[in-house]
Amino acid sequence: MRRLTFRSRVAILFSLILAVSLIGSGVVFSLAYYSLNLVNIEKFLIRESSEVFEKHLIIDNQEIFFRKDSLGKTLSAYLRDEGLSSLVLDRSGNIIGSYGVYRGRLDANQGTTFVEPDQLDAVRGSNKPTFNLKKLYENRTYLEIIYPLLSNQEFSGYLILSTDVNMGNQMMVLSFSLLALILPVSLILGWLLTRWMVGKSFKPLEDILSHMSKVGVGNLSKRIKIRGNPKDEIVRLSESFNEMLERIEEGVEKQKEFVSNASHELKTPLARSILSLEVIEEDLKNKNIKKSLSSINQIKKELIGFGDLIHSLLTLANIQKSTITPTNIVSHTKKIIKELQEESTKNKSQISFNSETKKRFLIQKDHWKVVVTNLLVNALKHGHRNSKIIVRTGEVNHKGYLQVENLAEKIERGSLNKMVRRFYRSEKSKGSGGQGIGLAVVRDIVSHYKLEINIQSRHDQIFLVSIEGFDLVN
């Protein structure tokens, strides 16, 4: 079975089920027909026994006499017309009348005992008719009724009627014969029909397999055409496959964008460092030590920025792998501000921090550091010198928020939405240094924690970044 295709296995299984169903139905039908036929014959014999007793028998002083009915028909003629055989026995079980197959057996000297004495005693003791199936003529089966003859509640004898039930047996044999003929044809037709139906039903699966074999990095935009009931399992599988392709395509596009832009951005600090090294080399030849030290200091800054870029890139790459744990945002924010003290002093800017909640935020401390650091570095680099940068944290509607506000040049409304793209820098800020990924890292962390980020430029000078929706932990 393992070597067969799925379609063949289903076809074989369906054919076996069909065969069992046909055989079971045939057996049940035949037995039901046979049983129902016997019940109807029993009712017929009871009715005929009562009619024979009323119209053709007279009991006088427990003696049984025969008579014609109102139409002048004898008992022999009546039984012949009804297709019945009969025995009439007195109270001692002696035969006083025989008709049909009973008469034929007596004439052929095949015995005079047709009913066992214990059966007669049972009928006499209960005064109720009994039925027997027996072979009476040429191995044909007859149903026999032993009917008690009562007169004034006194037992006077027995009336035995029998009729051929071989017709019912022949119907059973015919049914099984027809079943034997129909079964092979049904199995063959069932096999072919099932293979066709399975092939038709699983055509979408073949389309999925065909599509999967053709999918590559270069053609991820292709999708499976979906048709059918939305609740159908194959339709749902097709939808899931298309959704998976969309996620893969999005990931591949992000990877391409990441590699392309990262390569571009990495060239900038490297080029500046190489240029500074060439300047140092020239200065050393001219023994200009002071200028060389200045260039070395510049290279150091570039390498530090280069390290920050690599850290941001690693954050972007591993954002989905982190485990979420609560963070004491007050102490960590103060620590971050302290680390940026030197840079804020050079910029002649002041960073203030105000927290309206003591609850912890459900965010990794490394991610919190990246978010706050990037927002503050962005404010220092692109904000006004000699200005104040305000950091606020708090709680609204049982959710935490973070705000960073600073003074900056007017930012065009169309640029606000672009600022969270990776490697984006506005025209005014392209000469201010940096790798252009700060707010993009913030955006990815916000997305990972299912938060909301809003960037506003108020009164053309106040630049406000607000992140809301942090889960809180006491």
Protein backbone atom coordinates (compact mmCIF):
# COMPACT_ATOMS: atom_id res chain seq x y z
CA MET A 1 0.00 0.00 0.00
CA ARG A 2 2.87 2.39 0.73
CA ARG A 3 4.05 2.18 -2.86
CA LEU A 4 0.66 3.24 -4.17
CA THR A 5 -0.24 6.84 -4.77
CA PHE A 6 -2.64 8.61 -2.43
CA ARG A 7 -5.30 8.57 -5.14
CA SER A 8 -4.96 4.79 -5.57
CA ARG A 9 -5.08 4.17 -1.82
CA VAL A 10 -8.26 6.23 -1.46
CA ALA A 11 -9.79 4.44 -4.47
CA ILE A 12 -9.00 1.02 -2.98
CA LEU A 13 -10.36 2.06 0.41
CA PHE A 14 -13.56 3.41 -1.15
CA SER A 15 -13.97 0.24 -3.23
CA LEU A 16 -13.59 -1.95 -0.14
CA ILE A 17 -16.12 0.17 1.73
CA LEU A 18 -18.47 -0.08 -1.26
CA ALA A 19 -18.03 -3.87 -1.40
CA VAL A 20 -18.72 -4.26 2.33
CA SER A 21 -21.72 -1.95 2.02
CA LEU A 22 -23.16 -3.87 -0.93
CA ILE A 23 -22.63 -7.26 0.70
CA GLY A 24 -24.02 -6.02 4.02
CA SER A 25 -27.00 -4.38 2.32
CA GLY A 26 -27.66 -7.54 0.28
CA VAL A 27 -27.53 -9.78 3.34
CA VAL A 28 -29.72 -7.44 5.40
CA PHE A 29 -32.22 -7.05 2.55
CA SER A 30 -32.41 -10.80 1.94
CA LEU A 31 -32.85 -11.65 5.62
CA ALA A 32 -35.40 -8.89 6.04
CA TYR A 33 -37.31 -10.07 2.97
CA TYR A 34 -37.20 -13.69 4.14
CA SER A 35 -38.35 -12.80 7.67
CA LEU A 36 -41.10 -10.50 6.42
CA ASN A 37 -42.22 -13.16 3.95
CA LEU A 38 -42.48 -15.75 6.74
CA VAL A 39 -44.47 -13.32 8.92
CA ASN A 40 -46.91 -12.66 6.07
CA ILE A 41 -47.26 -16.40 5.37
CA GLU A 42 -47.94 -17.07 9.06
CA LYS A 43 -50.71 -14.46 9.03
CA PHE A 44 -52.07 -16.03 5.84
CA LEU A 45 -52.10 -19.53 7.38
CA ILE A 46 -53.86 -18.31 10.53
CA ARG A 47 -56.50 -16.60 8.42
CA GLU A 48 -56.95 -19.65 6.18
CA SER A 49 -57.12 -22.02 9.17
CA SER A 50 -59.94 -19.97 10.69
CA GLU A 51 -61.79 -19.87 7.36
CA VAL A 52 -61.44 -23.63 6.76
CA PHE A 53 -62.69 -24.32 10.28
CA GLU A 54 -65.72 -22.06 9.89
CA LYS A 55 -66.75 -23.05 6.36
CA HIS A 56 -65.69 -26.66 5.87
CA LEU A 57 -65.65 -28.38 9.28
CA ILE A 58 -68.39 -29.26 11.76
CA ILE A 59 -67.78 -30.56 15.27
CA ASP A 60 -70.55 -32.55 16.94
CA ASN A 61 -69.87 -34.33 20.24
CA GLN A 62 -66.15 -33.86 19.61
CA GLU A 63 -66.57 -35.63 16.27
CA ILE A 64 -65.23 -33.83 13.18
CA PHE A 65 -67.29 -33.81 9.96
CA PHE A 66 -66.57 -32.22 6.56
CA ARG A 67 -68.95 -30.03 4.63
CA LYS A 68 -69.21 -27.77 1.59
CA ASP A 69 -69.17 -24.01 1.91
CA SER A 70 -72.06 -21.72 0.97
CA LEU A 71 -70.95 -21.81 -2.67
CA GLY A 72 -70.94 -25.59 -2.76
CA LYS A 73 -67.15 -25.87 -2.87
CA THR A 74 -65.55 -28.81 -1.10
CA LEU A 75 -62.57 -28.53 1.19
CA SER A 76 -60.37 -30.27 -1.39
CA ALA A 77 -61.35 -27.74 -4.09
CA TYR A 78 -60.85 -24.80 -1.72
CA LEU A 79 -57.36 -25.93 -0.70
CA ARG A 80 -56.39 -26.53 -4.31
CA ASP A 81 -57.49 -23.01 -5.28
CA GLU A 82 -55.51 -21.49 -2.40
CA GLY A 83 -52.37 -23.58 -3.07
CA LEU A 84 -52.54 -25.25 0.33
CA SER A 85 -51.99 -28.76 1.66
CA SER A 86 -53.84 -30.01 4.75
CA LEU A 87 -54.22 -32.70 7.37
CA VAL A 88 -57.20 -33.07 9.70
CA LEU A 89 -56.52 -35.07 12.85
CA ASP A 90 -58.91 -36.11 15.60
CA ARG A 91 -58.23 -35.48 19.28
CA SER A 92 -56.06 -38.63 19.44
CA GLY A 93 -53.91 -37.53 16.51
CA ASN A 94 -55.37 -39.97 13.97
CA ILE A 95 -55.67 -38.76 10.36
CA ILE A 96 -59.28 -38.28 9.24
CA GLY A 97 -58.51 -36.16 6.14
CA SER A 98 -55.45 -35.52 3.96
CA TYR A 99 -54.95 -33.15 1.02
CA GLY A 100 -52.15 -31.99 -1.25
CA VAL A 101 -48.61 -33.10 -0.48
CA TYR A 102 -49.82 -35.00 2.59
CA ARG A 103 -52.12 -37.07 0.44
CA GLY A 104 -49.36 -37.66 -2.06
CA ARG A 105 -46.99 -38.95 0.62
CA LEU A 106 -49.68 -41.29 1.99
CA ASP A 107 -50.41 -42.63 -1.48
CA ALA A 108 -46.69 -43.16 -2.03
CA ASN A 109 -46.39 -45.01 1.28
CA GLN A 110 -43.84 -42.47 2.61
CA GLY A 111 -45.17 -42.75 6.15
CA THR A 112 -48.17 -41.64 8.14
CA THR A 113 -46.44 -39.64 10.87
CA PHE A 114 -46.19 -36.02 9.77
CA VAL A 115 -46.14 -34.31 13.16
CA GLU A 116 -44.25 -35.32 16.28
CA PRO A 117 -46.46 -36.22 19.27
CA ASP A 118 -44.79 -33.63 21.52
CA GLN A 119 -45.76 -30.89 19.06
CA LEU A 120 -49.36 -32.04 19.15
CA ASP A 121 -49.27 -32.13 22.94
CA ALA A 122 -47.89 -28.58 23.04
CA VAL A 123 -50.75 -27.29 20.87
CA ARG A 124 -53.34 -29.20 22.90
CA GLY A 125 -51.93 -27.91 26.18
CA SER A 126 -51.86 -24.26 25.11
CA ASN A 127 -54.79 -24.21 22.66
CA LYS A 128 -52.61 -21.93 20.49
CA PRO A 129 -51.32 -22.56 16.97
CA THR A 130 -47.64 -23.32 16.33
CA PHE A 131 -45.53 -23.12 13.17
CA ASN A 132 -42.87 -25.39 11.72
CA LEU A 133 -40.59 -25.31 8.70
CA LYS A 134 -40.06 -28.72 7.11
CA LYS A 135 -39.30 -30.53 3.88
CA LEU A 136 -42.48 -32.19 2.59
CA TYR A 137 -42.02 -32.65 -1.14
CA GLU A 138 -38.88 -32.94 -3.31
CA ASN A 139 -36.80 -31.11 -0.73
CA ARG A 140 -39.03 -28.08 -0.99
CA THR A 141 -39.54 -26.11 2.19
CA TYR A 142 -43.05 -25.68 3.56
CA LEU A 143 -44.33 -23.58 6.41
CA GLU A 144 -46.77 -25.58 8.49
CA ILE A 145 -49.37 -24.42 11.03
CA ILE A 146 -50.87 -26.76 13.63
CA TYR A 147 -54.22 -25.19 14.48
CA PRO A 148 -56.30 -26.43 17.46
CA LEU A 149 -59.96 -27.20 16.74
CA LEU A 150 -62.09 -26.07 19.67
CA SER A 151 -65.83 -26.38 20.20
CA ASN A 152 -67.39 -24.80 23.25
CA GLN A 153 -63.89 -24.43 24.72
CA GLU A 154 -63.34 -28.19 24.40
CA PHE A 155 -60.48 -29.58 22.35
CA SER A 156 -61.72 -31.73 19.45
CA GLY A 157 -58.74 -32.16 17.04
CA TYR A 158 -56.07 -30.57 14.87
CA LEU A 159 -56.12 -28.75 11.55
CA ILE A 160 -52.73 -28.68 9.80
CA LEU A 161 -52.22 -26.35 6.82
CA SER A 162 -48.95 -25.87 4.91
CA THR A 163 -47.81 -23.80 1.97
CA ASP A 164 -44.68 -23.75 -0.13
CA VAL A 165 -42.23 -21.01 0.95
CA ASN A 166 -39.60 -21.97 -1.60
CA MET A 167 -40.43 -18.80 -3.53
CA GLY A 168 -38.93 -16.73 -0.73
CA ASN A 169 -35.82 -18.90 -0.73
CA GLN A 170 -35.56 -18.50 -4.48
CA MET A 171 -35.76 -14.73 -4.07
CA MET A 172 -32.85 -14.89 -1.59
CA VAL A 173 -30.81 -17.00 -4.00
CA LEU A 174 -31.68 -14.58 -6.82
CA SER A 175 -30.66 -11.61 -4.67
CA PHE A 176 -27.29 -13.15 -3.87
CA SER A 177 -26.81 -14.08 -7.52
CA LEU A 178 -27.53 -10.52 -8.61
CA LEU A 179 -25.23 -9.23 -5.88
CA ALA A 180 -22.46 -11.54 -7.11
CA LEU A 181 -22.88 -10.05 -10.59
CA ILE A 182 -23.25 -6.43 -9.48
CA LEU A 183 -20.38 -6.50 -6.97
CA PRO A 184 -17.43 -6.80 -9.44
CA VAL A 185 -18.96 -4.19 -11.75
CA SER A 186 -19.58 -1.85 -8.80
CA LEU A 187 -16.03 -2.32 -7.57
CA ILE A 188 -14.56 -1.46 -10.97
CA LEU A 189 -16.86 1.53 -11.45
CA GLY A 190 -16.24 2.63 -7.86
CA TRP A 191 -12.48 2.40 -8.38
CA LEU A 192 -12.58 4.49 -11.56
CA LEU A 193 -15.09 7.00 -10.18
CA THR A 194 -13.15 7.42 -6.93
CA ARG A 195 -9.85 7.98 -8.74
CA TRP A 196 -11.52 10.62 -10.88
CA MET A 197 -13.23 12.32 -7.91
CA VAL A 198 -10.05 12.27 -5.79
CA GLY A 199 -8.07 13.67 -8.70
CA LYS A 200 -10.66 16.40 -9.18
CA SER A 201 -10.89 17.17 -5.47
CA PHE A 202 -7.13 17.27 -4.95
CA LYS A 203 -6.37 19.25 -8.09
CA PRO A 204 -5.67 22.35 -5.92
CA LEU A 205 -3.07 20.31 -4.03
CA GLU A 206 -1.37 19.45 -7.30
CA ASP A 207 -1.41 23.16 -8.15
CA ILE A 208 0.19 23.92 -4.78
CA LEU A 209 2.89 21.27 -5.34
CA SER A 210 3.52 22.56 -8.84
CA HIS A 211 3.70 26.12 -7.55
CA MET A 212 6.03 25.13 -4.70
CA SER A 213 8.42 23.45 -7.13
CA LYS A 214 8.62 26.68 -9.15
CA VAL A 215 9.02 29.08 -6.22
CA GLY A 216 12.41 30.70 -5.99
CA VAL A 217 13.96 33.88 -4.64
CA GLY A 218 13.37 35.57 -7.97
CA ASN A 219 9.63 34.84 -8.29
CA LEU A 220 8.18 35.06 -4.80
CA SER A 221 5.46 37.42 -6.03
CA LYS A 222 3.51 34.59 -7.69
CA ARG A 223 0.42 33.38 -5.82
CA ILE A 224 -1.92 30.42 -6.01
CA LYS A 225 -5.35 31.21 -7.43
CA ILE A 226 -7.91 30.44 -4.72
CA ARG A 227 -11.35 29.11 -5.61
CA GLY A 228 -13.98 27.34 -3.54
CA ASN A 229 -15.61 27.51 -0.14
CA PRO A 230 -13.54 29.66 2.28
CA LYS A 231 -13.97 26.98 4.96
CA ASP A 232 -12.62 24.21 2.73
CA GLU A 233 -9.36 22.77 4.07
CA ILE A 234 -7.57 23.00 0.70
CA VAL A 235 -8.71 26.61 0.25
CA ARG A 236 -7.39 27.42 3.73
CA LEU A 237 -4.13 25.63 2.91
CA SER A 238 -3.79 27.71 -0.27
CA GLU A 239 -4.45 30.91 1.69
CA SER A 240 -1.86 29.92 4.31
CA PHE A 241 0.66 29.14 1.57
CA ASN A 242 0.08 32.52 -0.08
CA GLU A 243 0.41 34.26 3.30
CA MET A 244 3.65 32.37 3.92
CA LEU A 245 4.97 33.49 0.53
CA GLU A 246 4.06 37.08 1.40
CA ARG A 247 6.01 36.85 4.66
CA ILE A 248 8.98 35.26 2.89
CA GLU A 249 8.86 37.86 0.14
CA GLU A 250 8.72 40.65 2.72
CA GLY A 251 11.65 39.11 4.58
CA VAL A 252 13.70 38.70 1.41
CA GLU A 253 12.95 42.28 0.35
CA LYS A 254 13.95 43.55 3.79
CA GLN A 255 17.12 41.50 3.60
CA LYS A 256 17.96 42.91 0.18
CA GLU A 257 17.23 46.44 1.40
CA PHE A 258 19.22 45.80 4.56
CA VAL A 259 22.30 44.48 2.72
CA SER A 260 22.16 47.20 0.08
CA ASN A 261 21.71 50.11 2.47
CA ALA A 262 24.06 48.70 5.10
CA SER A 263 26.76 48.31 2.45
CA HIS A 264 26.21 51.90 1.40
CA GLU A 265 26.24 53.24 4.95
CA LEU A 266 29.27 51.22 6.02
CA LYS A 267 31.27 52.77 3.20
CA THR A 268 30.88 56.26 4.69
CA PRO A 269 32.76 55.78 8.00
CA LEU A 270 35.27 53.49 6.31
CA ALA A 271 35.99 56.06 3.61
CA ARG A 272 36.38 58.83 6.17
CA SER A 273 38.69 56.66 8.28
CA ILE A 274 40.84 55.77 5.28
CA LEU A 275 41.03 59.44 4.32
CA SER A 276 42.03 60.35 7.87
CA LEU A 277 44.75 57.67 7.82
CA GLU A 278 46.12 59.12 4.58
CA VAL A 279 46.15 62.58 6.18
CA ILE A 280 48.00 61.14 9.22
CA GLU A 281 50.51 59.48 6.94
CA GLU A 282 51.16 62.79 5.19
CA ASP A 283 51.35 64.70 8.48
CA LEU A 284 53.80 62.22 9.93
CA LYS A 285 56.02 62.70 6.91
CA ASN A 286 55.91 66.44 7.62
CA LYS A 287 56.33 65.77 11.37
CA ASN A 288 53.06 67.58 12.13
CA ILE A 289 52.26 65.66 15.32
CA LYS A 290 49.45 67.95 16.52
CA LYS A 291 47.51 67.59 13.29
CA SER A 292 48.12 63.82 13.33
CA LEU A 293 46.65 63.54 16.81
CA SER A 294 43.58 65.45 15.65
CA SER A 295 43.14 63.03 12.73
CA ILE A 296 43.60 60.04 15.06
CA ASN A 297 40.89 61.47 17.31
CA GLN A 298 38.61 61.79 14.28
CA ILE A 299 39.28 58.15 13.34
CA LYS A 300 38.41 57.14 16.89
CA LYS A 301 35.07 58.92 16.63
CA GLU A 302 34.40 57.24 13.30
CA LEU A 303 35.19 53.79 14.75
CA ILE A 304 32.93 54.49 17.74
CA GLY A 305 30.17 55.44 15.33
CA PHE A 306 31.02 52.34 13.33
CA GLY A 307 30.55 50.26 16.51
CA ASP A 308 27.22 51.94 17.20
CA LEU A 309 26.12 51.12 13.66
CA ILE A 310 27.04 47.46 14.09
CA HIS A 311 25.16 47.34 17.42
CA SER A 312 22.09 48.84 15.73
CA LEU A 313 22.36 46.37 12.86
CA LEU A 314 22.54 43.47 15.33
CA THR A 315 19.51 44.87 17.14
CA LEU A 316 17.60 44.97 13.86
CA ALA A 317 18.64 41.41 13.04
CA ASN A 318 17.82 39.88 16.45
CA ILE A 319 14.76 41.86 17.48
CA GLN A 320 12.41 38.85 17.03
CA LYS A 321 14.58 36.46 19.08
CA SER A 322 14.55 38.32 22.38
CA THR A 323 12.64 37.36 25.53
CA ILE A 324 10.48 40.07 27.08
CA THR A 325 11.24 40.88 30.73
CA PRO A 326 10.22 43.94 32.85
CA THR A 327 12.68 46.86 33.16
CA ASN A 328 13.09 49.57 35.77
CA ILE A 329 12.87 52.41 33.28
CA VAL A 330 13.64 55.19 35.78
CA SER A 331 17.10 53.96 36.77
CA HIS A 332 17.98 52.86 33.25
CA THR A 333 16.89 56.15 31.71
CA LYS A 334 19.00 58.12 34.20
CA LYS A 335 21.97 55.88 33.36
CA ILE A 336 21.51 56.48 29.61
CA ILE A 337 21.33 60.27 30.13
CA LYS A 338 24.53 60.11 32.16
CA GLU A 339 26.31 58.21 29.38
CA LEU A 340 25.30 60.94 26.92
CA GLN A 341 26.41 63.74 29.24
CA GLU A 342 29.65 64.42 27.36
CA GLU A 343 27.90 64.69 24.00
CA SER A 344 25.13 66.91 25.37
CA THR A 345 27.77 69.18 26.95
CA LYS A 346 29.56 69.53 23.62
CA ASN A 347 26.25 70.38 22.03
CA LYS A 348 25.54 72.83 24.87
CA SER A 349 22.22 71.09 25.38
CA GLN A 350 20.56 70.04 28.61
CA ILE A 351 18.71 66.72 29.04
CA SER A 352 16.00 66.63 31.72
CA PHE A 353 14.05 63.57 32.82
CA ASN A 354 10.68 63.38 34.52
CA SER A 355 8.81 60.15 35.38
CA GLU A 356 5.21 60.07 36.58
CA THR A 357 5.21 56.33 37.31
CA LYS A 358 7.32 53.99 39.39
CA LYS A 359 6.05 50.87 37.63
CA ARG A 360 8.33 48.80 35.45
CA PHE A 361 7.80 48.63 31.70
CA LEU A 362 7.55 45.22 30.02
CA ILE A 363 10.49 45.61 27.65
CA GLN A 364 14.03 44.24 27.47
CA LYS A 365 16.49 46.65 29.10
CA ASP A 366 18.77 46.47 26.01
CA HIS A 367 15.84 47.45 23.81
CA TRP A 368 14.88 50.27 26.18
CA LYS A 369 18.44 51.53 26.01
CA VAL A 370 18.44 51.40 22.20
CA VAL A 371 15.12 53.29 22.02
CA VAL A 372 16.03 56.04 24.49
CA THR A 373 19.61 56.37 23.23
CA ASN A 374 18.59 56.69 19.60
CA LEU A 375 15.87 59.21 20.37
CA LEU A 376 18.28 61.31 22.43
CA VAL A 377 21.13 61.05 19.89
CA ASN A 378 18.66 62.06 17.18
CA ALA A 379 17.63 65.08 19.29
CA LEU A 380 21.26 66.07 19.95
CA LYS A 381 22.37 65.80 16.35
CA HIS A 382 19.39 67.38 14.66
CA GLY A 383 18.07 69.72 17.39
CA HIS A 384 19.02 73.27 18.19
CA ARG A 385 22.23 73.91 20.10
CA ASN A 386 21.87 75.53 23.50
CA SER A 387 18.40 74.00 23.86
CA LYS A 388 16.66 71.70 26.30
CA ILE A 389 15.77 68.08 25.62
CA ILE A 390 12.93 66.74 27.76
CA VAL A 391 12.39 63.01 28.44
CA ARG A 392 9.09 62.00 30.01
CA THR A 393 7.69 58.62 31.12
CA GLY A 394 4.30 57.99 32.65
CA GLU A 395 1.06 56.05 32.69
CA VAL A 396 -2.24 56.65 30.88
CA ASN A 397 -5.16 54.22 30.95
CA HIS A 398 -3.00 51.54 32.60
CA LYS A 399 -0.43 51.73 29.79
CA GLY A 400 3.04 53.27 29.90
CA TYR A 401 4.39 55.93 27.55
CA LEU A 402 7.72 57.53 26.62
CA GLN A 403 8.16 61.03 25.18
CA VAL A 404 11.27 62.83 23.92
CA GLU A 405 10.87 66.52 23.07
CA ASN A 406 13.42 68.97 21.64
CA LEU A 407 13.70 72.14 19.59
CA ALA A 408 14.55 71.64 15.91
CA GLU A 409 14.28 73.26 12.52
CA LYS A 410 10.93 73.04 10.78
CA ILE A 411 10.39 69.57 9.35
CA GLU A 412 8.15 69.12 6.34
CA ARG A 413 5.01 67.12 7.07
CA GLY A 414 5.89 64.58 4.36
CA SER A 415 9.26 63.94 5.97
CA LEU A 416 7.77 62.96 9.35
CA ASN A 417 6.51 59.58 8.09
CA LYS A 418 9.81 58.89 6.31
CA MET A 419 11.93 59.47 9.41
CA VAL A 420 11.35 55.95 10.75
CA ARG A 421 12.62 54.31 7.55
CA ARG A 422 15.96 52.61 7.71
CA PHE A 423 18.89 54.80 6.59
CA TYR A 424 16.65 57.78 5.93
CA ARG A 425 18.09 61.27 6.59
CA SER A 426 16.43 64.51 5.67
CA GLU A 427 18.21 66.88 3.35
CA LYS A 428 19.01 69.25 6.22
CA SER A 429 20.55 66.50 8.34
CA LYS A 430 22.67 64.69 5.76
CA GLY A 431 25.72 66.69 6.65
CA SER A 432 25.39 66.12 10.37
CA GLY A 433 26.87 62.64 10.44
CA GLY A 434 25.31 59.42 11.72
CA GLN A 435 24.21 56.33 9.90
CA GLY A 436 20.50 57.13 9.43
CA ILE A 437 19.10 54.05 11.16
CA GLY A 438 18.31 55.38 14.64
CA LEU A 439 14.57 55.93 14.34
CA ALA A 440 14.26 52.85 12.10
CA VAL A 441 15.61 50.71 14.97
CA VAL A 442 13.12 52.41 17.28
CA ARG A 443 10.32 51.66 14.82
CA ASP A 444 11.22 47.95 14.69
CA ILE A 445 11.34 47.68 18.48
CA VAL A 446 7.97 49.49 18.71
CA SER A 447 6.53 47.07 16.16
CA HIS A 448 7.93 44.06 18.05
CA TYR A 449 6.23 45.14 21.28
CA LYS A 450 3.03 46.14 19.44
CA LEU A 451 3.33 49.75 20.57
CA GLU A 452 2.35 53.00 18.85
CA ILE A 453 4.86 55.67 17.78
CA ASN A 454 3.84 59.21 16.89
CA ILE A 455 6.18 61.87 15.52
CA GLN A 456 4.97 65.44 15.62
CA SER A 457 6.37 68.85 14.75
CA ARG A 458 4.53 71.46 16.80
CA HIS A 459 4.71 75.19 16.23
CA ASP A 460 7.25 74.46 13.47
CA GLN A 461 10.05 74.10 16.05
CA ILE A 462 9.09 71.58 18.75
CA PHE A 463 9.92 68.05 17.63
CA LEU A 464 8.10 65.41 19.73
CA VAL A 465 8.45 61.62 19.53
CA SER A 466 5.86 59.74 21.60
CA ILE A 467 5.73 55.94 22.14
CA GLU A 468 2.63 54.59 23.87
CA GLY A 469 1.16 51.24 24.91
CA PHE A 470 3.82 49.72 27.18
CA ASP A 471 2.55 46.96 29.47
CA LEU A 472 3.19 47.75 33.12
CA VAL A 473 4.47 45.57 35.96
CA ASN A 474 4.44 46.59 39.63
